[in-house]
């Protein structure tokens, strides 16, 4: 026998019968937790519950649910709509490019021809003149850049304008010689999109640098989302979700200025 300061700690009282369960975390708290995982690069298990409220398991479950519901693409479009209504999007000149990163084996991965055949994925991106991402996609690292041009252009959503109807077509598209194919030039011309694509064996892509540096800067901004430094998600839809979150954050920072 001993006093309250000795021996085993006193047993906690059992919850009263019929007590209400704790309320589920609010969407805002879950969103903040998911954004933290995306920007910090931590695992779901490392999520500091004391700071955000929901546990890592809860945040991951909601992330999966929202990914299936295409919430991230819709959120990206909402921010683009607000930017477009304010006249913050410059459609006169857009650029397309891609970036590679290593990946574990999973959906949409492949041997990277420029990284000794190690498995990786690509992020494909179209940005407007100032570097804000309009359309994003992913593929295996062994997929040629040219194969992403049509899906990316088609993937630009109809975005609000300050005046007039919604817009989803750039005035001109800049690309390096990885996209130098006659069928792509014809396809763009048929849709009324002027193109400036470096020609193989005729000119270097460096001549387009004064126009394409903005998308290269955007690729560097994507690196601010540490979850994209290397692909750990086995499911392609989860990796695309983190990429969409990064693009949304880039656009939101412009909106918040």
Protein backbone atom coordinates (compact mmCIF):
# COMPACT_ATOMS: atom_id res chain seq x y z
CA UNK A 1 0.00 0.00 0.00
CA UNK A 2 1.23 3.49 -0.63
CA UNK A 3 0.17 7.05 -1.03
CA UNK A 4 -0.93 8.61 -4.30
CA UNK A 5 2.69 9.46 -5.17
CA UNK A 6 3.89 5.84 -5.18
CA UNK A 7 3.28 2.63 -7.10
CA UNK A 8 1.15 2.51 -10.18
CA UNK A 9 -0.50 5.65 -11.52
CA UNK A 10 -4.17 5.90 -10.75
CA UNK A 11 -6.38 4.30 -13.37
CA UNK A 12 -8.22 6.67 -15.66
CA UNK A 13 -11.92 6.81 -15.32
CA UNK A 14 -13.74 4.97 -18.06
CA UNK A 15 -15.83 7.15 -20.36
CA UNK A 16 -19.41 7.38 -19.32
CA UNK A 17 -21.75 4.98 -21.05
CA UNK A 18 -23.42 6.61 -24.01
CA UNK A 19 -20.88 9.47 -24.19
CA UNK A 20 -20.71 11.11 -27.60
CA UNK A 21 -17.59 10.26 -29.67
CA UNK A 22 -15.15 13.09 -30.41
CA UNK A 23 -16.25 15.23 -33.36
CA UNK A 24 -14.62 14.45 -36.73
CA UNK A 25 -11.91 16.88 -37.86
CA UNK A 26 -13.13 19.79 -39.93
CA UNK A 27 -12.29 19.95 -43.64
CA UNK A 28 -10.11 23.02 -43.08
CA UNK A 29 -7.99 21.16 -40.52
CA UNK A 30 -7.61 18.14 -42.80
CA UNK A 31 -6.68 20.34 -45.76
CA UNK A 32 -4.02 22.11 -43.68
CA UNK A 33 -2.60 18.73 -42.65
CA UNK A 34 -2.48 17.49 -46.27
CA UNK A 35 -0.78 20.68 -47.44
CA UNK A 36 1.78 20.27 -44.66
CA UNK A 37 2.57 16.73 -45.83
CA UNK A 38 2.92 18.00 -49.41
CA UNK A 39 5.19 20.94 -48.61
CA UNK A 40 7.29 19.38 -45.83
CA UNK A 41 7.72 15.98 -47.46
CA UNK A 42 7.02 14.14 -44.21
CA UNK A 43 5.24 10.80 -44.13
CA UNK A 44 1.64 10.48 -43.01
CA UNK A 45 2.85 8.84 -39.80
CA UNK A 46 5.10 11.84 -39.05
CA UNK A 47 2.23 14.33 -39.23
CA UNK A 48 2.23 16.34 -35.96
CA UNK A 49 -1.28 15.66 -34.71
CA UNK A 50 -0.92 18.17 -31.89
CA UNK A 51 -0.56 20.97 -34.46
CA UNK A 52 -3.26 20.01 -36.94
CA UNK A 53 -5.80 17.87 -35.11
CA UNK A 54 -6.40 14.94 -37.46
CA UNK A 55 -4.11 11.93 -37.24
CA UNK A 56 -1.94 10.85 -40.13
CA UNK A 57 -4.29 7.94 -40.84
CA UNK A 58 -7.30 10.25 -40.94
CA UNK A 59 -5.54 12.78 -43.17
CA UNK A 60 -4.44 10.03 -45.54
CA UNK A 61 -7.93 8.56 -45.70
CA UNK A 62 -9.46 11.92 -46.56
CA UNK A 63 -6.65 12.59 -49.06
CA UNK A 64 -7.56 9.34 -50.81
CA UNK A 65 -11.27 10.17 -50.80
CA UNK A 66 -10.71 13.67 -52.14
CA UNK A 67 -8.33 12.39 -54.80
CA UNK A 68 -10.98 9.98 -56.11
CA UNK A 69 -13.46 12.87 -56.16
CA UNK A 70 -10.98 15.01 -58.19
CA UNK A 71 -11.02 17.67 -55.51
CA UNK A 72 -7.46 18.83 -56.26
CA UNK A 73 -8.10 19.50 -59.94
CA UNK A 74 -11.30 21.36 -59.01
CA UNK A 75 -9.44 23.43 -56.41
CA UNK A 76 -6.76 24.32 -58.96
CA UNK A 77 -9.45 25.43 -61.39
CA UNK A 78 -11.20 27.56 -58.76
CA UNK A 79 -7.98 29.46 -58.08
CA UNK A 80 -7.37 29.87 -61.82
CA UNK A 81 -10.93 31.19 -62.22
CA UNK A 82 -10.30 33.83 -59.57
CA UNK A 83 -7.00 34.82 -61.18
CA UNK A 84 -8.67 35.00 -64.59
CA UNK A 85 -11.53 37.16 -63.32
CA UNK A 86 -8.94 39.60 -61.95
CA UNK A 87 -7.05 39.70 -65.24
CA UNK A 88 -3.98 38.03 -63.72
CA UNK A 89 -3.57 35.41 -66.48
CA UNK A 90 -1.66 36.30 -69.65
CA UNK A 91 -2.79 33.99 -72.47
CA UNK A 92 -0.71 35.67 -75.17
CA UNK A 93 2.18 33.26 -74.77
CA UNK A 94 2.31 29.89 -73.02
CA UNK A 95 5.10 27.33 -72.66
CA UNK A 96 5.28 23.56 -72.25
CA UNK A 97 8.01 21.50 -70.59
CA UNK A 98 8.64 18.51 -68.32
CA UNK A 99 10.81 17.49 -65.38
CA UNK A 100 12.02 14.05 -64.29
CA UNK A 101 12.27 12.57 -60.82
CA UNK A 102 13.14 9.16 -59.46
CA UNK A 103 10.33 6.93 -58.32
CA UNK A 104 9.58 3.62 -56.75
CA UNK A 105 7.97 1.11 -59.06
CA UNK A 106 4.29 1.84 -59.49
CA UNK A 107 1.74 3.16 -61.93
CA UNK A 108 3.12 5.41 -64.68
CA UNK A 109 6.79 4.83 -63.97
CA UNK A 110 9.53 3.67 -66.31
CA UNK A 111 13.28 3.51 -66.88
CA UNK A 112 14.72 6.99 -67.25
CA UNK A 113 16.96 7.15 -70.36
CA UNK A 114 18.92 10.09 -68.93
CA UNK A 115 19.40 8.57 -65.45
CA UNK A 116 21.08 5.24 -66.21
CA UNK A 117 17.75 3.52 -66.66
CA UNK A 118 16.63 4.04 -63.07
CA UNK A 119 12.88 4.08 -62.55
CA UNK A 120 11.25 7.47 -62.56
CA UNK A 121 8.28 9.60 -63.52
CA UNK A 122 7.79 12.85 -65.39
CA UNK A 123 5.73 15.90 -64.58
CA UNK A 124 4.43 17.64 -67.73
CA UNK A 125 3.31 21.25 -67.45
CA UNK A 126 1.84 24.14 -69.45
CA UNK A 127 2.17 27.62 -67.98
CA UNK A 128 0.88 31.00 -69.09
CA UNK A 129 3.26 33.84 -69.88
CA UNK A 130 4.17 34.69 -66.28
CA UNK A 131 4.66 31.06 -65.22
CA UNK A 132 1.34 30.15 -63.60
CA UNK A 133 0.51 26.47 -64.29
CA UNK A 134 -2.63 25.94 -66.40
CA UNK A 135 -2.46 22.20 -67.09
CA UNK A 136 -0.45 19.37 -65.53
CA UNK A 137 0.03 15.67 -66.16
CA UNK A 138 2.34 12.82 -65.26
CA UNK A 139 3.86 9.87 -67.12
CA UNK A 140 6.64 7.33 -66.90
CA UNK A 141 10.15 8.70 -67.33
CA UNK A 142 10.53 6.75 -70.58
CA UNK A 143 7.58 8.54 -72.26
CA UNK A 144 8.68 11.08 -74.87
CA UNK A 145 7.79 14.68 -74.12
CA UNK A 146 6.00 15.09 -77.44
CA UNK A 147 3.32 12.57 -76.42
CA UNK A 148 2.15 14.89 -73.64
CA UNK A 149 1.47 17.98 -75.76
CA UNK A 150 -2.01 17.10 -77.00
CA UNK A 151 -3.36 15.84 -73.63
CA UNK A 152 -1.96 18.89 -71.84
CA UNK A 153 -3.46 21.38 -74.28
CA UNK A 154 -6.80 19.55 -74.14
CA UNK A 155 -6.51 19.50 -70.35
CA UNK A 156 -6.53 23.29 -70.01
CA UNK A 157 -9.91 23.98 -68.35
CA UNK A 158 -12.21 26.80 -69.50
CA UNK A 159 -11.10 29.64 -67.23
CA UNK A 160 -12.95 32.85 -66.46
CA UNK A 161 -11.82 36.12 -67.98
CA UNK A 162 -12.15 39.67 -66.75
CA UNK A 163 -14.25 40.39 -69.82
CA UNK A 164 -15.89 38.03 -72.27
CA UNK A 165 -16.32 34.25 -72.29
CA UNK A 166 -14.18 31.68 -70.59
CA UNK A 167 -10.89 30.89 -72.24
CA UNK A 168 -8.90 27.66 -72.57
CA UNK A 169 -6.65 28.24 -75.59
CA UNK A 170 -3.30 30.07 -75.57
CA UNK A 171 -2.48 32.56 -78.28
CA UNK A 172 0.95 31.05 -78.86
CA UNK A 173 2.78 28.01 -77.50
CA UNK A 174 6.55 27.84 -76.99
CA UNK A 175 8.37 24.52 -76.80
CA UNK A 176 11.87 23.09 -77.15
CA UNK A 177 12.96 20.71 -79.91
CA UNK A 178 11.62 17.71 -78.02
CA UNK A 179 8.24 18.73 -79.47
CA UNK A 180 9.51 19.30 -83.04
CA UNK A 181 7.10 17.10 -84.99
CA UNK A 182 5.06 18.09 -88.01
CA UNK A 183 1.87 16.43 -86.76
CA UNK A 184 2.03 18.50 -83.55
CA UNK A 185 2.52 21.70 -85.54
CA UNK A 186 -0.47 20.84 -87.73
CA UNK A 187 -2.58 19.92 -84.72
CA UNK A 188 -1.85 23.26 -83.02
CA UNK A 189 -2.47 25.22 -86.22
CA UNK A 190 -5.82 23.51 -86.75
CA UNK A 191 -6.88 24.77 -83.33
CA UNK A 192 -5.78 28.31 -84.03
CA UNK A 193 -2.75 28.13 -81.72
CA UNK A 194 0.40 29.69 -83.10
CA UNK A 195 3.55 27.79 -82.20
CA UNK A 196 7.22 28.51 -81.71
CA UNK A 197 9.02 25.18 -81.51
CA UNK A 198 12.78 24.85 -81.83
CA UNK A 199 13.75 22.82 -84.91
CA UNK A 200 16.07 19.84 -84.61
CA UNK A 201 19.43 20.38 -86.26
CA UNK A 202 18.53 23.96 -87.18
CA UNK A 203 18.45 25.92 -83.93
CA UNK A 204 19.07 25.28 -80.28
CA UNK A 205 16.44 25.48 -77.59
CA UNK A 206 18.53 28.21 -75.95
CA UNK A 207 17.19 30.78 -78.43
CA UNK A 208 13.80 30.32 -76.82
CA UNK A 209 15.26 30.83 -73.36
CA UNK A 210 14.08 34.43 -73.11
CA UNK A 211 10.52 33.18 -73.49
CA UNK A 212 10.72 29.78 -71.76
CA UNK A 213 12.60 30.77 -68.61
CA UNK A 214 9.29 31.33 -66.83
CA UNK A 215 8.28 27.66 -67.06
CA UNK A 216 11.75 26.62 -65.90
CA UNK A 217 11.24 28.88 -62.88
CA UNK A 218 7.87 27.23 -62.29
CA UNK A 219 9.57 23.83 -62.28
CA UNK A 220 11.85 25.20 -59.56
CA UNK A 221 8.76 26.38 -57.65
CA UNK A 222 7.40 22.85 -57.81
CA UNK A 223 10.51 21.74 -55.93
CA UNK A 224 9.20 23.83 -53.02
CA UNK A 225 6.71 20.99 -52.58
CA UNK A 226 9.16 18.56 -51.02
CA UNK A 227 6.82 15.63 -51.56
CA UNK A 228 7.70 15.95 -55.27
CA UNK A 229 11.47 15.66 -54.79
CA UNK A 230 11.08 11.94 -55.29
CA UNK A 231 7.98 9.95 -56.04
CA UNK A 232 7.05 7.66 -53.15
CA UNK A 233 3.40 7.12 -54.08
CA UNK A 234 2.81 3.81 -55.83
CA UNK A 235 -0.54 5.00 -57.19
CA UNK A 236 -0.25 7.46 -60.05
CA UNK A 237 -3.42 9.28 -58.99
CA UNK A 238 -1.86 10.09 -55.60
CA UNK A 239 1.30 11.46 -57.19
CA UNK A 240 -0.78 13.55 -59.59
CA UNK A 241 -2.77 14.81 -56.61
CA UNK A 242 0.37 16.14 -54.90
CA UNK A 243 1.42 17.72 -58.20
CA UNK A 244 -1.97 19.45 -58.49
CA UNK A 245 -1.67 20.67 -54.89
CA UNK A 246 1.74 22.19 -55.71
CA UNK A 247 0.32 23.93 -58.81
CA UNK A 248 -2.62 25.25 -56.78
CA UNK A 249 -0.26 26.67 -54.14
CA UNK A 250 1.79 28.43 -56.84
CA UNK A 251 -1.36 30.05 -58.23
CA UNK A 252 -2.71 30.86 -54.76
CA UNK A 253 0.47 32.74 -53.81
CA UNK A 254 -0.09 35.00 -56.81
CA UNK A 255 -3.70 35.43 -55.79
CA UNK A 256 -2.72 36.32 -52.22
CA UNK A 257 -0.39 39.14 -53.25
